[in-house]
Amino acid sequence: MKPVGWASTTVAVLAAITLMRASNAQETTLIFATTNQPTAHLNVRVHHPWAKRINEQGQGVIRIDVRDGPTLANHVNFYSRVVDDVAQISWGVHGFVAGKFPLSEVGSLPFEVVKSEQGSVAFWRLWKSGLLGREYNDVVPLYVVAFPQTGIHTAKPMKAPDSLAGLKIIAGQKITSEVVTRLGGTPISLPITDIYEGIQRGTADGVIQQWTAFQPFKLAEVTTYHVDTTLSGATAMVFMAKKRYDALPAAGRKVIDDNSGEAQSRQFGVFWDSVQDEGRQMVKALGGKHTIVTFTPEQEKVVREKIAPITAEWAKDTPGGDKALSTFRELLAKVKAGG
């Protein structure tokens, strides 16, 4: 014969299980396709901790399911994967989505952004201003970045740092391709994941790229000559599809919002500034076959004169470009001044 309290205990346990299942059923799960390998500095130091914070703060309400690697989404198709609801969150460079974000290229223009922290805050404020609105009809940025600017990295020493004449240079975006062309080189279009192989096989002589790419893509193994300068940039975002963001329960959206926005964009920029310097210092420490140079004042003057028309033509030919550029510069100046 079972104890008298057995039935009541069983009922209590079943009730608790039912309540737990009901609670879990109400929890919203969002797949975050990071596109990079688990050990990439971006995942280890930014994306994973961000998802962990949300999971801790949103227990029972919202959960981020992190999926690393390029299987679910990659550097080329990340945007369509989110819009098509294959993943609910991803991250990627605006310039890799052909024709979709022309005004957002403002943060990619040569010599505009020096520090990523400053540029990222200014870019977030530019998006919040509404000037970029129509480009984001289908998505909601959670946090953004204006990358540090690029230098030139080649497999062999260049004849002159300020000339790309006779060289095939990988350029991932339209503006970077224009820089290569105006400096006399031939731009080659390859995804960032194919840069290593492209240089190794001789398809390209080098790449215009940030130092930030050296750790995850091992570019120091295929380049030896480095011009440390600020030829162009890029903007990127961590984002959701608007329809998915709008459908979040209020409590879940609050957890997302509390961990996103300008503050997270600033920290994202701080991260990239650190990684830019880490990549530079890593190559310097290798010594040996690696040579790092900078422009002389005369060379920089020549380069600036050659590529200055890129910014002027962009502002003229991009609808709304002139206003976006002037506003971005104003916002950037305020951030630099501590505003």
Protein backbone atom coordinates (compact mmCIF):
# COMPACT_ATOMS: atom_id res chain seq x y z
CA MET A 1 0.00 0.00 0.00
CA LYS A 2 1.42 3.41 -1.06
CA PRO A 3 1.81 6.21 1.50
CA VAL A 4 -1.13 8.58 1.75
CA GLY A 5 0.97 11.52 0.50
CA TRP A 6 2.05 9.71 -2.66
CA ALA A 7 -0.86 10.85 -4.80
CA SER A 8 -0.55 14.49 -3.82
CA THR A 9 3.22 14.44 -4.42
CA THR A 10 2.73 12.91 -7.86
CA VAL A 11 0.16 15.54 -8.77
CA ALA A 12 2.54 18.29 -7.66
CA VAL A 13 5.40 16.86 -9.76
CA LEU A 14 3.16 16.50 -12.82
CA ALA A 15 1.94 20.03 -12.36
CA ALA A 16 5.50 21.33 -12.17
CA ILE A 17 6.46 19.44 -15.33
CA THR A 18 3.40 20.81 -17.14
CA LEU A 19 4.24 24.34 -16.01
CA MET A 20 7.87 23.92 -17.14
CA ARG A 21 6.78 22.66 -20.56
CA ALA A 22 4.35 25.54 -20.92
CA SER A 23 7.09 27.98 -20.00
CA ASN A 24 9.54 26.44 -22.48
CA ALA A 25 6.88 26.46 -25.19
CA GLN A 26 6.59 30.23 -24.77
CA GLU A 27 10.35 30.78 -25.04
CA THR A 28 11.35 32.25 -28.41
CA THR A 29 14.43 30.71 -29.97
CA LEU A 30 16.42 32.71 -32.53
CA ILE A 31 19.16 31.09 -34.61
CA PHE A 32 22.25 33.28 -34.87
CA ALA A 33 24.36 32.32 -37.90
CA THR A 34 27.77 33.85 -37.18
CA THR A 35 29.31 32.74 -40.54
CA ASN A 36 32.77 32.37 -38.92
CA GLN A 37 34.49 29.42 -37.30
CA PRO A 38 33.99 29.04 -33.52
CA THR A 39 37.58 30.12 -32.75
CA ALA A 40 37.47 33.35 -34.82
CA HIS A 41 38.23 36.34 -32.59
CA LEU A 42 34.91 37.93 -33.53
CA ASN A 43 32.95 34.96 -32.23
CA VAL A 44 35.02 34.39 -29.11
CA ARG A 45 35.12 38.03 -28.00
CA VAL A 46 31.88 39.55 -29.30
CA HIS A 47 29.18 37.30 -30.74
CA HIS A 48 29.33 34.46 -28.23
CA PRO A 49 29.39 36.73 -25.13
CA TRP A 50 26.53 38.79 -26.61
CA ALA A 51 24.39 35.68 -27.09
CA LYS A 52 25.31 34.43 -23.62
CA ARG A 53 24.16 37.69 -22.00
CA ILE A 54 20.83 37.52 -23.77
CA ASN A 55 20.33 33.89 -22.79
CA GLU A 56 21.09 34.68 -19.16
CA GLN A 57 18.82 37.72 -19.05
CA GLY A 58 16.05 36.18 -21.14
CA GLN A 59 15.62 32.78 -19.50
CA GLY A 60 12.19 31.42 -20.28
CA VAL A 61 11.49 34.30 -22.68
CA ILE A 62 14.13 34.32 -25.42
CA ARG A 63 17.12 32.20 -26.33
CA ILE A 64 19.87 32.66 -28.92
CA ASP A 65 20.93 29.44 -30.64
CA VAL A 66 24.43 30.19 -31.98
CA ARG A 67 25.46 28.39 -35.16
CA ASP A 68 29.09 28.96 -36.15
CA GLY A 69 30.72 28.27 -39.48
CA PRO A 70 29.57 28.90 -43.06
CA THR A 71 27.09 26.01 -43.40
CA LEU A 72 23.92 27.87 -42.45
CA ALA A 73 25.05 31.28 -43.74
CA ASN A 74 28.28 32.67 -45.15
CA HIS A 75 29.88 36.02 -45.97
CA VAL A 76 28.01 36.19 -49.28
CA ASN A 77 24.48 34.92 -48.54
CA PHE A 78 24.04 36.04 -44.92
CA TYR A 79 21.45 38.67 -45.83
CA SER A 80 19.13 36.39 -47.80
CA ARG A 81 19.38 33.70 -45.13
CA VAL A 82 17.90 36.09 -42.55
CA VAL A 83 15.28 37.59 -44.86
CA ASP A 84 14.24 34.05 -45.87
CA ASP A 85 14.09 33.02 -42.18
CA VAL A 86 16.70 30.26 -42.50
CA ALA A 87 18.40 32.07 -39.62
CA GLN A 88 16.87 34.85 -37.55
CA ILE A 89 20.08 36.76 -36.76
CA SER A 90 23.29 37.05 -38.72
CA TRP A 91 26.10 39.44 -39.38
CA GLY A 92 27.86 40.68 -42.48
CA VAL A 93 29.31 43.51 -44.53
CA HIS A 94 26.82 45.82 -46.26
CA GLY A 95 28.92 45.94 -49.41
CA PHE A 96 28.56 42.20 -49.95
CA VAL A 97 24.82 42.65 -50.59
CA ALA A 98 24.89 43.94 -54.14
CA GLY A 99 22.88 47.11 -54.76
CA LYS A 100 20.98 47.00 -51.46
CA PHE A 101 22.89 49.49 -49.26
CA PRO A 102 24.32 52.30 -51.45
CA LEU A 103 23.96 55.03 -48.81
CA SER A 104 25.46 52.81 -46.12
CA GLU A 105 28.67 52.84 -48.16
CA VAL A 106 29.34 56.28 -46.68
CA GLY A 107 31.35 54.62 -43.92
CA SER A 108 33.49 52.88 -46.55
CA LEU A 109 34.78 56.02 -48.25
CA PRO A 110 38.55 56.63 -48.19
CA PHE A 111 40.10 58.59 -45.31
CA GLU A 112 36.75 59.14 -43.52
CA VAL A 113 36.94 56.78 -40.53
CA VAL A 114 40.19 56.40 -38.61
CA LYS A 115 39.00 54.83 -35.34
CA SER A 116 36.33 52.16 -35.56
CA GLU A 117 34.85 53.13 -32.19
CA GLN A 118 34.13 56.65 -33.41
CA GLY A 119 32.95 55.56 -36.84
CA SER A 120 30.64 52.88 -35.44
CA VAL A 121 28.87 55.30 -33.10
CA ALA A 122 28.50 57.85 -35.91
CA PHE A 123 27.18 55.20 -38.28
CA TRP A 124 24.63 54.00 -35.72
CA ARG A 125 23.43 57.57 -35.24
CA LEU A 126 23.25 58.03 -39.00
CA TRP A 127 20.98 54.98 -39.25
CA LYS A 128 18.84 56.26 -36.35
CA SER A 129 18.50 59.62 -38.11
CA GLY A 130 16.37 57.97 -40.80
CA LEU A 131 18.56 59.05 -43.73
CA LEU A 132 19.30 55.41 -44.53
CA GLY A 133 15.73 54.28 -43.87
CA ARG A 134 14.68 52.84 -47.20
CA GLU A 135 17.71 50.55 -47.27
CA TYR A 136 16.48 48.87 -44.09
CA ASN A 137 12.84 48.21 -45.00
CA ASP A 138 13.27 44.47 -44.43
CA VAL A 139 15.75 44.34 -41.56
CA VAL A 140 16.52 45.85 -38.16
CA PRO A 141 20.18 46.44 -37.25
CA LEU A 142 20.93 45.34 -33.68
CA TYR A 143 24.45 46.76 -33.67
CA VAL A 144 26.73 48.08 -36.38
CA VAL A 145 30.36 48.77 -37.15
CA ALA A 146 32.40 51.07 -39.34
CA PHE A 147 35.60 49.09 -39.71
CA PRO A 148 39.09 50.50 -39.40
CA GLN A 149 40.43 51.46 -42.82
CA THR A 150 42.41 49.25 -45.16
CA GLY A 151 46.03 49.00 -46.20
CA ILE A 152 47.77 47.22 -49.06
CA HIS A 153 49.17 43.73 -48.53
CA THR A 154 51.09 41.97 -51.29
CA ALA A 155 52.92 38.68 -51.70
CA LYS A 156 56.08 40.42 -52.96
CA PRO A 157 57.56 43.88 -52.38
CA MET A 158 55.97 46.66 -54.41
CA LYS A 159 58.06 48.90 -56.64
CA ALA A 160 56.46 51.96 -55.01
CA PRO A 161 53.97 52.03 -52.10
CA ASP A 162 51.79 54.63 -53.81
CA SER A 163 51.33 52.76 -57.09
CA LEU A 164 49.56 49.50 -57.91
CA ALA A 165 50.56 49.61 -61.58
CA GLY A 166 50.78 46.12 -63.05
CA LEU A 167 49.34 44.43 -59.94
CA LYS A 168 46.18 42.36 -59.55
CA ILE A 169 44.68 43.28 -56.18
CA ILE A 170 41.74 41.64 -54.44
CA ALA A 171 39.08 44.22 -53.59
CA GLY A 172 35.97 43.00 -51.85
CA GLN A 173 33.73 46.01 -52.46
CA LYS A 174 32.93 48.55 -55.17
CA ILE A 175 34.70 51.48 -53.51
CA THR A 176 37.80 49.41 -52.84
CA SER A 177 37.83 48.34 -56.48
CA GLU A 178 37.74 52.00 -57.50
CA VAL A 179 40.71 52.71 -55.21
CA VAL A 180 42.69 49.91 -56.88
CA THR A 181 41.83 51.20 -60.34
CA ARG A 182 42.78 54.81 -59.56
CA LEU A 183 46.12 53.66 -58.17
CA GLY A 184 46.83 51.84 -61.41
CA GLY A 185 46.03 48.27 -60.42
CA THR A 186 43.55 45.68 -61.64
CA PRO A 187 40.83 44.83 -59.09
CA ILE A 188 40.00 41.16 -58.54
CA SER A 189 36.71 40.21 -56.89
CA LEU A 190 36.95 37.35 -54.41
CA PRO A 191 35.09 36.57 -51.16
CA ILE A 192 37.12 37.15 -48.03
CA THR A 193 37.28 33.41 -47.44
CA ASP A 194 39.08 32.98 -50.80
CA ILE A 195 41.75 35.67 -50.34
CA TYR A 196 44.34 33.25 -48.96
CA GLU A 197 44.02 30.82 -51.85
CA GLY A 198 43.78 33.61 -54.44
CA ILE A 199 47.15 35.05 -53.39
CA GLN A 200 48.74 31.65 -52.78
CA ARG A 201 47.88 30.47 -56.30
CA GLY A 202 48.93 33.73 -57.93
CA THR A 203 45.44 34.65 -59.07
CA ALA A 204 46.11 37.95 -57.30
CA ASP A 205 49.28 39.74 -56.25
CA GLY A 206 47.76 41.05 -53.05
CA VAL A 207 44.75 42.50 -51.31
CA ILE A 208 43.45 45.78 -49.92
CA GLN A 209 42.29 44.73 -46.47
CA GLN A 210 42.24 45.64 -42.78
CA TRP A 211 44.73 44.16 -40.35
CA THR A 212 41.67 42.69 -38.65
CA ALA A 213 41.51 39.89 -41.24
CA PHE A 214 44.99 38.56 -40.49
CA GLN A 215 44.08 36.36 -37.52
CA PRO A 216 41.00 34.52 -38.81
CA PHE A 217 42.19 34.20 -42.43
CA LYS A 218 45.95 33.69 -41.83
CA LEU A 219 46.92 36.32 -44.39
CA ALA A 220 50.45 36.67 -43.00
CA GLU A 221 51.19 33.29 -44.54
CA VAL A 222 50.63 34.58 -48.08
CA THR A 223 51.66 38.25 -47.85
CA THR A 224 55.03 39.79 -47.01
CA TYR A 225 54.81 43.49 -47.93
CA HIS A 226 52.39 45.80 -46.14
CA VAL A 227 51.50 49.45 -46.72
CA ASP A 228 49.91 50.64 -43.48
CA THR A 229 47.44 53.35 -44.52
CA THR A 230 43.72 54.26 -44.72
CA LEU A 231 42.56 53.66 -48.29
CA SER A 232 38.95 52.59 -47.69
CA GLY A 233 36.70 51.08 -45.08
CA ALA A 234 33.54 49.03 -44.76
CA THR A 235 30.39 48.93 -42.68
CA ALA A 236 28.67 45.87 -41.31
CA MET A 237 25.83 44.93 -39.00
CA VAL A 238 24.36 42.27 -36.77
CA PHE A 239 20.69 42.26 -37.70
CA MET A 240 17.27 40.59 -37.73
CA ALA A 241 14.51 40.48 -40.31
CA LYS A 242 12.04 43.23 -39.46
CA LYS A 243 9.07 40.86 -39.49
CA ARG A 244 10.82 38.59 -36.99
CA TYR A 245 11.87 41.48 -34.75
CA ASP A 246 8.35 42.95 -34.75
CA ALA A 247 6.90 39.53 -33.87
CA LEU A 248 9.02 39.15 -30.73
CA PRO A 249 7.16 39.20 -27.41
CA ALA A 250 7.63 42.54 -25.66
CA ALA A 251 9.78 40.98 -22.93
CA GLY A 252 12.01 39.28 -25.50
CA ARG A 253 12.39 42.43 -27.57
CA LYS A 254 13.41 44.35 -24.45
CA VAL A 255 16.21 41.87 -23.72
CA ILE A 256 17.45 42.20 -27.30
CA ASP A 257 17.22 46.00 -27.21
CA ASP A 258 18.95 46.24 -23.84
CA ASN A 259 21.98 44.48 -25.33
CA SER A 260 22.00 46.26 -28.69
CA GLY A 261 22.01 49.80 -30.05
CA GLU A 262 24.61 52.54 -29.75
CA ALA A 263 26.37 51.18 -26.68
CA GLN A 264 26.90 47.77 -28.27
CA SER A 265 27.96 49.42 -31.53
CA ARG A 266 30.58 51.42 -29.62
CA GLN A 267 31.91 48.27 -28.00
CA PHE A 268 31.92 46.56 -31.39
CA GLY A 269 34.10 49.38 -32.68
CA VAL A 270 36.41 49.15 -29.66
CA PHE A 271 36.84 45.47 -30.44
CA TRP A 272 37.78 46.13 -34.06
CA ASP A 273 40.23 48.88 -33.10
CA SER A 274 41.92 46.39 -30.78
CA VAL A 275 42.00 43.69 -33.43
CA GLN A 276 43.38 46.14 -36.01
CA ASP A 277 46.30 46.87 -33.72
CA GLU A 278 46.71 43.20 -32.77
CA GLY A 279 46.93 42.19 -36.42
CA ARG A 280 49.51 44.89 -37.11
CA GLN A 281 51.59 43.95 -34.07
CA MET A 282 51.37 40.25 -34.91
CA VAL A 283 52.89 40.83 -38.34
CA LYS A 284 55.55 43.15 -36.91
CA ALA A 285 56.51 40.46 -34.41
CA LEU A 286 56.97 37.93 -37.21
CA GLY A 287 59.80 40.03 -38.63
CA GLY A 288 61.90 38.17 -41.16
CA LYS A 289 60.35 38.35 -44.60
CA HIS A 290 57.66 40.86 -43.54
CA THR A 291 58.09 44.55 -44.34
CA ILE A 292 55.67 47.24 -43.11
CA VAL A 293 55.88 50.72 -44.63
CA THR A 294 53.86 53.92 -44.53
CA PHE A 295 53.47 56.68 -47.10
CA THR A 296 55.84 59.59 -47.03
CA PRO A 297 54.00 62.94 -46.90
CA GLU A 298 54.63 63.33 -50.63
CA GLN A 299 53.29 59.86 -51.43
CA GLU A 300 50.19 60.38 -49.30
CA LYS A 301 49.49 63.65 -51.08
CA VAL A 302 49.68 61.88 -54.45
CA VAL A 303 47.43 59.05 -53.28
CA ARG A 304 44.84 61.41 -51.82
CA GLU A 305 44.72 63.38 -55.05
CA LYS A 306 44.28 60.22 -57.11
CA ILE A 307 41.42 58.80 -55.06
CA ALA A 308 39.68 62.01 -53.93
CA PRO A 309 37.27 61.86 -56.91
CA ILE A 310 35.83 58.60 -55.51
CA THR A 311 34.18 60.44 -52.63
CA ALA A 312 33.04 63.36 -54.77
CA GLU A 313 31.53 61.09 -57.41
CA TRP A 314 29.87 58.89 -54.79
CA ALA A 315 28.18 61.91 -53.19
CA LYS A 316 27.02 63.16 -56.58
CA ASP A 317 25.89 59.86 -58.14
CA THR A 318 24.26 58.20 -55.11
CA PRO A 319 20.73 59.54 -54.51
CA GLY A 320 20.86 61.22 -51.10
CA GLY A 321 24.62 60.72 -50.98
CA ASP A 322 25.56 64.35 -50.46
CA LYS A 323 23.26 64.64 -47.44
CA ALA A 324 24.37 61.29 -46.01
CA LEU A 325 28.05 62.25 -46.32
CA SER A 326 27.69 65.69 -44.76
CA THR A 327 25.57 64.28 -41.92
CA PHE A 328 27.98 61.41 -41.31
CA ARG A 329 30.88 63.85 -41.13
CA GLU A 330 28.98 66.03 -38.66
CA LEU A 331 28.10 63.05 -36.48
CA LEU A 332 31.66 61.77 -36.64
CA ALA A 333 33.04 65.17 -35.61
CA LYS A 334 30.69 65.24 -32.61
CA VAL A 335 31.75 61.77 -31.52
CA LYS A 336 35.43 62.70 -31.85
CA ALA A 337 34.76 65.77 -29.70
CA GLY A 338 33.26 63.55 -27.02
CA GLY A 339 29.59 64.03 -27.90
